[in-house]
Amino acid sequence: MHIKDINIRDPFVLTSPSEKCYYMYGSTSMNAEPHLEVFRSTDLEEFSAPISLFTPPENFPWLRLFWAPEVIFHNGTYYMTVTMAAEGRPKGTLILAASSPTGPFTLHSDGPVTPHDWESLDGTLYFDVHNVPWMVFCHEWVQINDGTVELIQLSKDLTHAVSHPVTLFHASNGPWVKAFRQGKYVTDGPFVVQDAKQGLSLLWSSFSENGYAIGIAHSLSGNLQGPWIHETQPIYDQDGGHAMLFKTLDGRRMISFHRPNFAPLERAVFREW
């Protein structure tokens, strides 16, 4: 399959130097029965047919949606963060685990690690210099009007949260952000970036004058607690967003995001960063 033929949102790329390939995860079931799958590639252009990753166990309640899966390798295990929802319950981020990037993944966390009464989504994992696990996630605008980016500390085994959420910033704090609807401001797709020159930064998405867009904020303290200062203009504002960074097999740093933001036209975009 060519990349231009794959309908996908929130594309997350895991590079496997040992296999000389890439694994692309993302939201691929927006208008169908929820499922998780991955596409394998050696050149970021031609991809395998989708590989199924997860079979829900019996009586698994979180079947309303599977959004924005991200997979990292840590201490010999592949961990997936994924937004799910159950009938009558808000969205939240759960953690799955597997011994292979192609699964099969099984439920690892004790349900959502985000607050159970919050509409939360797009959780992303980050391990600090002391190997302490954190999750950055969004408290969604549908519940609070002015969406936020939040921080919680996780247990070392990644099964549950061990702190209360801390608000890093509101969507309206971004100088470039425009209301999605009257009085409604969106936060979406946070991704932590550790850079030798700029220190700790955070990619995130919202809406600008030109539609869906990617912004970047920088931590003045050099840690996740911030304070976070926003660049005045988005780094991309042509109706694309939910970005992450990865390195290619030959060492180039790439940004991955989806564009446009309308179903079913979304496609993965890869550009050098």
C-alpha atoms as a PDB file:
ATOM      1  CA  MET A   1       0.000   0.000   0.000  1.00  0.00           C
ATOM      2  CA  HIS A   2       1.277   3.467  -0.841  1.00  0.00           C
ATOM      3  CA  ILE A   3       1.213   6.066   1.941  1.00  0.00           C
ATOM      4  CA  LYS A   4      -1.165   8.203  -0.157  1.00  0.00           C
ATOM      5  CA  ASP A   5      -3.721   5.397  -0.107  1.00  0.00           C
ATOM      6  CA  ILE A   6      -3.851   4.940   3.680  1.00  0.00           C
ATOM      7  CA  ASN A   7      -6.540   6.882   5.531  1.00  0.00           C
ATOM      8  CA  ILE A   8      -5.019   7.616   8.933  1.00  0.00           C
ATOM      9  CA  ARG A   9      -5.116  10.262  11.634  1.00  0.00           C
ATOM     10  CA  ASP A  10      -2.549  10.896  14.373  1.00  0.00           C
ATOM     11  CA  PRO A  11       0.239   8.924  12.633  1.00  0.00           C
ATOM     12  CA  PHE A  12       2.882   7.742  15.094  1.00  0.00           C
ATOM     13  CA  VAL A  13       6.075   6.196  13.709  1.00  0.00           C
ATOM     14  CA  LEU A  14       8.286   3.764  15.619  1.00  0.00           C
ATOM     15  CA  THR A  15      11.687   3.193  14.006  1.00  0.00           C
ATOM     16  CA  SER A  16      13.226  -0.274  14.359  1.00  0.00           C
ATOM     17  CA  PRO A  17      16.954  -0.127  13.484  1.00  0.00           C
ATOM     18  CA  SER A  18      17.397  -3.855  14.194  1.00  0.00           C
ATOM     19  CA  GLU A  19      14.722  -4.743  11.619  1.00  0.00           C
ATOM     20  CA  LYS A  20      15.611  -1.834   9.301  1.00  0.00           C
ATOM     21  CA  CYS A  21      11.969  -0.792   9.124  1.00  0.00           C
ATOM     22  CA  TYR A  22       9.304   1.536  10.442  1.00  0.00           C
ATOM     23  CA  TYR A  23       5.986   0.841  12.149  1.00  0.00           C
ATOM     24  CA  MET A  24       3.172   3.367  11.667  1.00  0.00           C
ATOM     25  CA  TYR A  25       0.330   3.430  14.177  1.00  0.00           C
ATOM     26  CA  GLY A  26      -2.656   5.788  14.151  1.00  0.00           C
ATOM     27  CA  SER A  27      -6.393   6.319  14.316  1.00  0.00           C
ATOM     28  CA  THR A  28      -7.807   4.242  11.466  1.00  0.00           C
ATOM     29  CA  SER A  29     -11.338   3.404  12.595  1.00  0.00           C
ATOM     30  CA  MET A  30     -12.991   6.784  13.062  1.00  0.00           C
ATOM     31  CA  ASN A  31     -16.196   5.734  11.258  1.00  0.00           C
ATOM     32  CA  ALA A  32     -16.083   1.976  11.805  1.00  0.00           C
ATOM     33  CA  GLU A  33     -15.914  -0.594  14.579  1.00  0.00           C
ATOM     34  CA  PRO A  34     -12.941   0.320  16.803  1.00  0.00           C
ATOM     35  CA  HIS A  35      -9.734  -1.576  16.075  1.00  0.00           C
ATOM     36  CA  LEU A  36      -5.990  -1.126  16.434  1.00  0.00           C
ATOM     37  CA  GLU A  37      -3.586  -1.851  13.611  1.00  0.00           C
ATOM     38  CA  VAL A  38      -0.078  -1.078  12.388  1.00  0.00           C
ATOM     39  CA  PHE A  39       1.519  -0.676   8.964  1.00  0.00           C
ATOM     40  CA  ARG A  40       5.142  -1.762   8.334  1.00  0.00           C
ATOM     41  CA  SER A  41       7.500  -0.046   5.863  1.00  0.00           C
ATOM     42  CA  THR A  42      11.168   0.051   4.900  1.00  0.00           C
ATOM     43  CA  ASP A  43      11.040   3.397   3.059  1.00  0.00           C
ATOM     44  CA  LEU A  44       8.094   5.417   4.510  1.00  0.00           C
ATOM     45  CA  GLU A  45       6.362   5.255   1.127  1.00  0.00           C
ATOM     46  CA  GLU A  46       5.243   1.675   0.558  1.00  0.00           C
ATOM     47  CA  PHE A  47       3.588  -0.024   3.531  1.00  0.00           C
ATOM     48  CA  SER A  48       2.328  -3.492   4.349  1.00  0.00           C
ATOM     49  CA  ALA A  49      -1.326  -4.328   4.670  1.00  0.00           C
ATOM     50  CA  PRO A  50      -2.589  -3.448   8.164  1.00  0.00           C
ATOM     51  CA  ILE A  51      -1.610  -5.845  10.949  1.00  0.00           C
ATOM     52  CA  SER A  52      -4.168  -6.302  13.739  1.00  0.00           C
ATOM     53  CA  LEU A  53      -2.761  -5.482  17.189  1.00  0.00           C
ATOM     54  CA  PHE A  54      -5.428  -6.061  19.805  1.00  0.00           C
ATOM     55  CA  THR A  55      -8.313  -8.425  20.425  1.00  0.00           C
ATOM     56  CA  PRO A  56     -10.502  -7.083  23.252  1.00  0.00           C
ATOM     57  CA  PRO A  57     -11.021  -9.630  26.027  1.00  0.00           C
ATOM     58  CA  GLU A  58     -14.475 -10.816  26.977  1.00  0.00           C
ATOM     59  CA  ASN A  59     -16.580  -8.143  28.686  1.00  0.00           C
ATOM     60  CA  PHE A  60     -14.032  -5.444  27.810  1.00  0.00           C
ATOM     61  CA  PRO A  61     -16.008  -2.200  28.308  1.00  0.00           C
ATOM     62  CA  TRP A  62     -13.763   0.244  26.403  1.00  0.00           C
ATOM     63  CA  LEU A  63     -15.183  -0.359  22.946  1.00  0.00           C
ATOM     64  CA  ARG A  64     -16.663   2.979  21.879  1.00  0.00           C
ATOM     65  CA  LEU A  65     -13.482   4.214  20.211  1.00  0.00           C
ATOM     66  CA  PHE A  66      -9.742   3.560  19.864  1.00  0.00           C
ATOM     67  CA  TRP A  67      -7.849   6.795  19.153  1.00  0.00           C
ATOM     68  CA  ALA A  68      -4.280   8.017  18.789  1.00  0.00           C
ATOM     69  CA  PRO A  69      -2.186   4.940  19.669  1.00  0.00           C
ATOM     70  CA  GLU A  70       1.495   5.582  20.430  1.00  0.00           C
ATOM     71  CA  VAL A  71       4.042   2.798  20.998  1.00  0.00           C
ATOM     72  CA  ILE A  72       7.395   3.052  22.760  1.00  0.00           C
ATOM     73  CA  PHE A  73       9.954   0.422  23.763  1.00  0.00           C
ATOM     74  CA  HIS A  74      10.933   0.535  27.441  1.00  0.00           C
ATOM     75  CA  ASN A  75      12.745  -2.032  29.593  1.00  0.00           C
ATOM     76  CA  GLY A  76      12.175  -4.852  27.115  1.00  0.00           C
ATOM     77  CA  THR A  77       8.458  -4.218  26.546  1.00  0.00           C
ATOM     78  CA  TYR A  78       6.454  -2.325  23.940  1.00  0.00           C
ATOM     79  CA  TYR A  79       3.947  -0.041  25.655  1.00  0.00           C
ATOM     80  CA  MET A  80       0.994   1.490  23.842  1.00  0.00           C
ATOM     81  CA  THR A  81      -0.932   4.514  25.064  1.00  0.00           C
ATOM     82  CA  VAL A  82      -4.362   4.715  23.459  1.00  0.00           C
ATOM     83  CA  THR A  83      -7.508   6.761  24.031  1.00  0.00           C
ATOM     84  CA  MET A  84     -10.632   4.671  24.584  1.00  0.00           C
ATOM     85  CA  ALA A  85     -14.174   5.172  25.827  1.00  0.00           C
ATOM     86  CA  ALA A  86     -16.862   2.924  27.243  1.00  0.00           C
ATOM     87  CA  GLU A  87     -20.628   3.275  27.091  1.00  0.00           C
ATOM     88  CA  GLY A  88     -21.650   5.898  29.632  1.00  0.00           C
ATOM     89  CA  ARG A  89     -18.047   6.747  30.570  1.00  0.00           C
ATOM     90  CA  PRO A  90     -15.756   9.586  29.474  1.00  0.00           C
ATOM     91  CA  LYS A  91     -12.783   9.085  27.188  1.00  0.00           C
ATOM     92  CA  GLY A  92      -9.485   8.230  28.853  1.00  0.00           C
ATOM     93  CA  THR A  93      -5.985   6.994  28.049  1.00  0.00           C
ATOM     94  CA  LEU A  94      -5.174   3.357  28.795  1.00  0.00           C
ATOM     95  CA  ILE A  95      -1.840   1.534  28.511  1.00  0.00           C
ATOM     96  CA  LEU A  96      -1.445  -1.773  26.663  1.00  0.00           C
ATOM     97  CA  ALA A  97       1.691  -3.923  26.477  1.00  0.00           C
ATOM     98  CA  ALA A  98       3.299  -6.475  24.137  1.00  0.00           C
ATOM     99  CA  SER A  99       6.600  -8.213  23.497  1.00  0.00           C
ATOM    100  CA  SER A 100       6.577  -7.167  19.818  1.00  0.00           C
ATOM    101  CA  PRO A 101       5.726  -3.947  17.949  1.00  0.00           C
ATOM    102  CA  THR A 102       3.094  -5.964  16.060  1.00  0.00           C
ATOM    103  CA  GLY A 103       1.495  -7.302  19.244  1.00  0.00           C
ATOM    104  CA  PRO A 104      -0.619  -8.933  20.272  1.00  0.00           C
ATOM    105  CA  PHE A 105      -1.161  -6.163  22.847  1.00  0.00           C
ATOM    106  CA  THR A 106      -2.985  -6.809  26.106  1.00  0.00           C
ATOM    107  CA  LEU A 107      -4.363  -4.429  28.713  1.00  0.00           C
ATOM    108  CA  HIS A 108      -1.580  -3.386  31.098  1.00  0.00           C
ATOM    109  CA  SER A 109      -2.954  -0.471  33.143  1.00  0.00           C
ATOM    110  CA  ASP A 110      -5.759  -0.592  35.689  1.00  0.00           C
ATOM    111  CA  GLY A 111      -8.189   0.970  33.247  1.00  0.00           C
ATOM    112  CA  PRO A 112      -7.552   4.599  32.259  1.00  0.00           C
ATOM    113  CA  VAL A 113      -4.604   6.260  33.959  1.00  0.00           C
ATOM    114  CA  THR A 114      -6.216   9.656  33.314  1.00  0.00           C
ATOM    115  CA  PRO A 115      -8.921  10.913  35.729  1.00  0.00           C
ATOM    116  CA  HIS A 116     -11.974   8.693  35.420  1.00  0.00           C
ATOM    117  CA  ASP A 117     -14.474  11.582  35.454  1.00  0.00           C
ATOM    118  CA  TRP A 118     -12.604  13.689  32.864  1.00  0.00           C
ATOM    119  CA  GLU A 119     -12.968  13.687  29.097  1.00  0.00           C
ATOM    120  CA  SER A 120      -9.262  12.997  28.483  1.00  0.00           C
ATOM    121  CA  LEU A 121      -7.421  12.038  25.334  1.00  0.00           C
ATOM    122  CA  ASP A 122      -4.090  11.763  23.504  1.00  0.00           C
ATOM    123  CA  GLY A 123      -1.924  10.659  26.419  1.00  0.00           C
ATOM    124  CA  THR A 124       1.793  10.446  25.606  1.00  0.00           C
ATOM    125  CA  LEU A 125       4.527   8.866  27.760  1.00  0.00           C
ATOM    126  CA  TYR A 126       7.754  10.576  28.828  1.00  0.00           C
ATOM    127  CA  PHE A 127      10.554   9.323  31.078  1.00  0.00           C
ATOM    128  CA  ASP A 128      12.605  12.058  32.759  1.00  0.00           C
ATOM    129  CA  VAL A 129      16.344  12.016  33.540  1.00  0.00           C
ATOM    130  CA  HIS A 130      15.614   9.999  36.703  1.00  0.00           C
ATOM    131  CA  ASN A 131      13.585   7.457  34.674  1.00  0.00           C
ATOM    132  CA  VAL A 132      10.366   8.615  36.347  1.00  0.00           C
ATOM    133  CA  PRO A 133       7.363   7.980  34.045  1.00  0.00           C
ATOM    134  CA  TRP A 134       4.986  10.824  33.255  1.00  0.00           C
ATOM    135  CA  MET A 135       1.987  11.194  31.017  1.00  0.00           C
ATOM    136  CA  VAL A 136       1.085  14.396  29.220  1.00  0.00           C
ATOM    137  CA  PHE A 137      -2.516  14.438  28.008  1.00  0.00           C
ATOM    138  CA  CYS A 138      -5.396  16.730  27.053  1.00  0.00           C
ATOM    139  CA  HIS A 139      -8.451  17.551  29.128  1.00  0.00           C
ATOM    140  CA  GLU A 140     -10.875  17.937  26.270  1.00  0.00           C
ATOM    141  CA  TRP A 141     -12.716  21.116  25.376  1.00  0.00           C
ATOM    142  CA  VAL A 142     -16.050  19.276  25.126  1.00  0.00           C
ATOM    143  CA  GLN A 143     -16.110  19.169  28.937  1.00  0.00           C
ATOM    144  CA  ILE A 144     -14.372  22.424  29.920  1.00  0.00           C
ATOM    145  CA  ASN A 145     -14.681  24.706  26.830  1.00  0.00           C
ATOM    146  CA  ASP A 146     -11.048  25.906  27.048  1.00  0.00           C
ATOM    147  CA  GLY A 147      -9.097  22.662  26.638  1.00  0.00           C
ATOM    148  CA  THR A 148      -5.935  22.096  28.659  1.00  0.00           C
ATOM    149  CA  VAL A 149      -2.696  20.141  28.462  1.00  0.00           C
ATOM    150  CA  GLU A 150      -2.204  18.218  31.711  1.00  0.00           C
ATOM    151  CA  LEU A 151       0.589  16.308  33.449  1.00  0.00           C
ATOM    152  CA  ILE A 152       0.374  13.288  35.753  1.00  0.00           C
ATOM    153  CA  GLN A 153       3.045  11.054  37.249  1.00  0.00           C
ATOM    154  CA  LEU A 154       2.643   7.320  36.720  1.00  0.00           C
ATOM    155  CA  SER A 155       3.670   4.366  38.836  1.00  0.00           C
ATOM    156  CA  LYS A 156       6.966   2.793  37.816  1.00  0.00           C
ATOM    157  CA  ASP A 157       5.112  -0.238  36.473  1.00  0.00           C
ATOM    158  CA  LEU A 158       2.873   2.067  34.363  1.00  0.00           C
ATOM    159  CA  THR A 159      -0.359   0.647  35.750  1.00  0.00           C
ATOM    160  CA  HIS A 160      -1.844   3.749  37.394  1.00  0.00           C
ATOM    161  CA  ALA A 161      -1.369   7.423  38.223  1.00  0.00           C
ATOM    162  CA  VAL A 162       0.397   8.378  41.452  1.00  0.00           C
ATOM    163  CA  SER A 163      -0.292  12.119  41.376  1.00  0.00           C
ATOM    164  CA  HIS A 164      -3.124  14.512  40.726  1.00  0.00           C
ATOM    165  CA  PRO A 165      -3.138  16.228  37.325  1.00  0.00           C
ATOM    166  CA  VAL A 166      -1.277  19.513  36.974  1.00  0.00           C
ATOM    167  CA  THR A 167      -2.413  21.957  34.290  1.00  0.00           C
ATOM    168  CA  LEU A 168       0.475  22.996  32.048  1.00  0.00           C
ATOM    169  CA  PHE A 169      -1.534  25.460  29.965  1.00  0.00           C
ATOM    170  CA  HIS A 170      -4.910  26.221  28.388  1.00  0.00           C
ATOM    171  CA  ALA A 171      -5.530  26.221  24.652  1.00  0.00           C
ATOM    172  CA  SER A 172      -6.281  29.950  24.773  1.00  0.00           C
ATOM    173  CA  ASN A 173      -2.761  30.587  26.117  1.00  0.00           C
ATOM    174  CA  GLY A 174      -1.415  29.934  22.616  1.00  0.00           C
ATOM    175  CA  PRO A 175      -1.048  33.339  20.888  1.00  0.00           C
ATOM    176  CA  TRP A 176      -1.940  31.800  17.520  1.00  0.00           C
ATOM    177  CA  VAL A 177      -4.992  29.848  18.685  1.00  0.00           C
ATOM    178  CA  LYS A 178      -8.463  30.759  17.478  1.00  0.00           C
ATOM    179  CA  ALA A 179     -11.761  29.485  18.854  1.00  0.00           C
ATOM    180  CA  PHE A 180     -12.928  26.257  17.243  1.00  0.00           C
ATOM    181  CA  ARG A 181     -16.478  27.304  18.017  1.00  0.00           C
ATOM    182  CA  GLN A 182     -17.699  30.312  19.926  1.00  0.00           C
ATOM    183  CA  GLY A 183     -15.940  30.180  23.275  1.00  0.00           C
ATOM    184  CA  LYS A 184     -14.504  26.695  22.594  1.00  0.00           C
ATOM    185  CA  TYR A 185     -10.723  26.216  22.410  1.00  0.00           C
ATOM    186  CA  VAL A 186      -9.106  22.893  21.498  1.00  0.00           C
ATOM    187  CA  THR A 187      -5.998  21.142  22.821  1.00  0.00           C
ATOM    188  CA  ASP A 188      -4.917  18.068  20.909  1.00  0.00           C
ATOM    189  CA  GLY A 189      -1.997  15.699  20.328  1.00  0.00           C
ATOM    190  CA  PRO A 190       0.762  16.710  22.802  1.00  0.00           C
ATOM    191  CA  PHE A 191       4.234  15.280  22.183  1.00  0.00           C
ATOM    192  CA  VAL A 192       7.322  15.942  24.313  1.00  0.00           C
ATOM    193  CA  VAL A 193      10.565  16.846  22.525  1.00  0.00           C
ATOM    194  CA  GLN A 194      13.974  16.787  24.228  1.00  0.00           C
ATOM    195  CA  ASP A 195      16.444  18.870  22.215  1.00  0.00           C
ATOM    196  CA  ALA A 196      20.110  19.544  23.010  1.00  0.00           C
ATOM    197  CA  LYS A 197      19.804  23.175  21.854  1.00  0.00           C
ATOM    198  CA  GLN A 198      16.274  24.188  22.838  1.00  0.00           C
ATOM    199  CA  GLY A 199      15.869  21.971  25.895  1.00  0.00           C
ATOM    200  CA  LEU A 200      12.423  20.557  26.620  1.00  0.00           C
ATOM    201  CA  SER A 201       9.653  21.465  24.176  1.00  0.00           C
ATOM    202  CA  LEU A 202       6.119  20.346  23.505  1.00  0.00           C
ATOM    203  CA  LEU A 203       4.358  19.937  20.184  1.00  0.00           C
ATOM    204  CA  TRP A 204       0.579  20.310  20.362  1.00  0.00           C
ATOM    205  CA  SER A 205      -2.318  21.071  18.048  1.00  0.00           C
ATOM    206  CA  SER A 206      -5.299  23.406  17.981  1.00  0.00           C
ATOM    207  CA  PHE A 207      -7.038  25.661  15.466  1.00  0.00           C
ATOM    208  CA  SER A 208      -5.577  28.788  13.886  1.00  0.00           C
ATOM    209  CA  GLU A 209      -6.960  31.289  11.404  1.00  0.00           C
ATOM    210  CA  ASN A 210      -6.170  28.767   8.653  1.00  0.00           C
ATOM    211  CA  GLY A 211      -7.681  25.718  10.360  1.00  0.00           C
ATOM    212  CA  TYR A 212      -6.064  22.805  12.179  1.00  0.00           C
ATOM    213  CA  ALA A 213      -2.461  23.643  13.102  1.00  0.00           C
ATOM    214  CA  ILE A 214       0.654  22.596  15.041  1.00  0.00           C
ATOM    215  CA  GLY A 215       2.197  24.796  17.707  1.00  0.00           C
ATOM    216  CA  ILE A 216       5.237  24.473  19.922  1.00  0.00           C
ATOM    217  CA  ALA A 217       5.886  25.550  23.509  1.00  0.00           C
ATOM    218  CA  HIS A 218       9.167  25.591  25.456  1.00  0.00           C
ATOM    219  CA  SER A 219       9.736  24.866  29.148  1.00  0.00           C
ATOM    220  CA  LEU A 220      11.608  27.690  30.868  1.00  0.00           C
ATOM    221  CA  SER A 221      12.629  25.376  33.719  1.00  0.00           C
ATOM    222  CA  GLY A 222      13.737  22.526  31.473  1.00  0.00           C
ATOM    223  CA  ASN A 223      11.288  20.122  33.084  1.00  0.00           C
ATOM    224  CA  LEU A 224       7.711  19.102  32.410  1.00  0.00           C
ATOM    225  CA  GLN A 225       6.272  21.331  35.119  1.00  0.00           C
ATOM    226  CA  GLY A 226       7.216  24.397  33.071  1.00  0.00           C
ATOM    227  CA  PRO A 227       6.321  27.240  32.971  1.00  0.00           C
ATOM    228  CA  TRP A 228       5.615  26.832  29.259  1.00  0.00           C
ATOM    229  CA  ILE A 229       6.147  29.678  26.812  1.00  0.00           C
ATOM    230  CA  HIS A 230       4.452  29.494  23.428  1.00  0.00           C
ATOM    231  CA  GLU A 231       5.931  30.506  20.112  1.00  0.00           C
ATOM    232  CA  THR A 232       3.787  33.280  18.673  1.00  0.00           C
ATOM    233  CA  GLN A 233       3.071  31.515  15.386  1.00  0.00           C
ATOM    234  CA  PRO A 234       2.247  27.874  14.641  1.00  0.00           C
ATOM    235  CA  ILE A 235       4.979  25.819  13.008  1.00  0.00           C
ATOM    236  CA  TYR A 236       2.394  24.482  10.533  1.00  0.00           C
ATOM    237  CA  ASP A 237      -1.070  25.880   9.830  1.00  0.00           C
ATOM    238  CA  GLN A 238      -2.266  24.335   6.559  1.00  0.00           C
ATOM    239  CA  ASP A 239      -5.013  22.160   8.056  1.00  0.00           C
ATOM    240  CA  GLY A 240      -2.676  19.526   9.504  1.00  0.00           C
ATOM    241  CA  GLY A 241      -1.818  18.459  13.025  1.00  0.00           C
ATOM    242  CA  HIS A 242      -1.385  15.907  15.815  1.00  0.00           C
ATOM    243  CA  ALA A 243       2.374  15.777  15.312  1.00  0.00           C
ATOM    244  CA  MET A 244       5.271  13.709  16.656  1.00  0.00           C
ATOM    245  CA  LEU A 245       8.991  13.419  15.880  1.00  0.00           C
ATOM    246  CA  PHE A 246      11.016  10.349  14.953  1.00  0.00           C
ATOM    247  CA  LYS A 247      14.429   9.541  13.508  1.00  0.00           C
ATOM    248  CA  THR A 248      14.868   7.782  10.200  1.00  0.00           C
ATOM    249  CA  LEU A 249      17.133   4.767   9.756  1.00  0.00           C
ATOM    250  CA  ASP A 250      19.815   7.094   8.391  1.00  0.00           C
ATOM    251  CA  GLY A 251      19.570   9.481  11.346  1.00  0.00           C
ATOM    252  CA  ARG A 252      17.408  12.320   9.996  1.00  0.00           C
ATOM    253  CA  ARG A 253      14.784  13.817  12.307  1.00  0.00           C
ATOM    254  CA  MET A 254      11.285  13.811  10.837  1.00  0.00           C
ATOM    255  CA  ILE A 255       7.958  15.264  11.874  1.00  0.00           C
ATOM    256  CA  SER A 256       4.852  13.167  11.317  1.00  0.00           C
ATOM    257  CA  PHE A 257       1.286  14.529  11.250  1.00  0.00           C
ATOM    258  CA  HIS A 258      -1.983  14.078   9.389  1.00  0.00           C
ATOM    259  CA  ARG A 259      -3.427  16.357   6.762  1.00  0.00           C
ATOM    260  CA  PRO A 260      -6.128  17.415   5.928  1.00  0.00           C
ATOM    261  CA  ASN A 261      -8.321  17.252   8.996  1.00  0.00           C
ATOM    262  CA  PHE A 262     -11.487  16.015   7.272  1.00  0.00           C
ATOM    263  CA  ALA A 263     -12.630  12.383   7.121  1.00  0.00           C
ATOM    264  CA  PRO A 264     -11.992  10.303   5.114  1.00  0.00           C
ATOM    265  CA  LEU A 265      -9.286  12.375   3.397  1.00  0.00           C
ATOM    266  CA  GLU A 266      -6.665  12.321   6.165  1.00  0.00           C
ATOM    267  CA  ARG A 267      -3.221  11.094   5.163  1.00  0.00           C
ATOM    268  CA  ALA A 268       0.123  10.820   6.966  1.00  0.00           C
ATOM    269  CA  VAL A 269       2.693  13.505   6.148  1.00  0.00           C
ATOM    270  CA  PHE A 270       6.417  13.112   6.865  1.00  0.00           C
ATOM    271  CA  ARG A 271       8.825  16.052   6.626  1.00  0.00           C
ATOM    272  CA  GLU A 272      12.379  16.681   7.787  1.00  0.00           C
ATOM    273  CA  TRP A 273      12.488  18.728  10.963  1.00  0.00           C
END
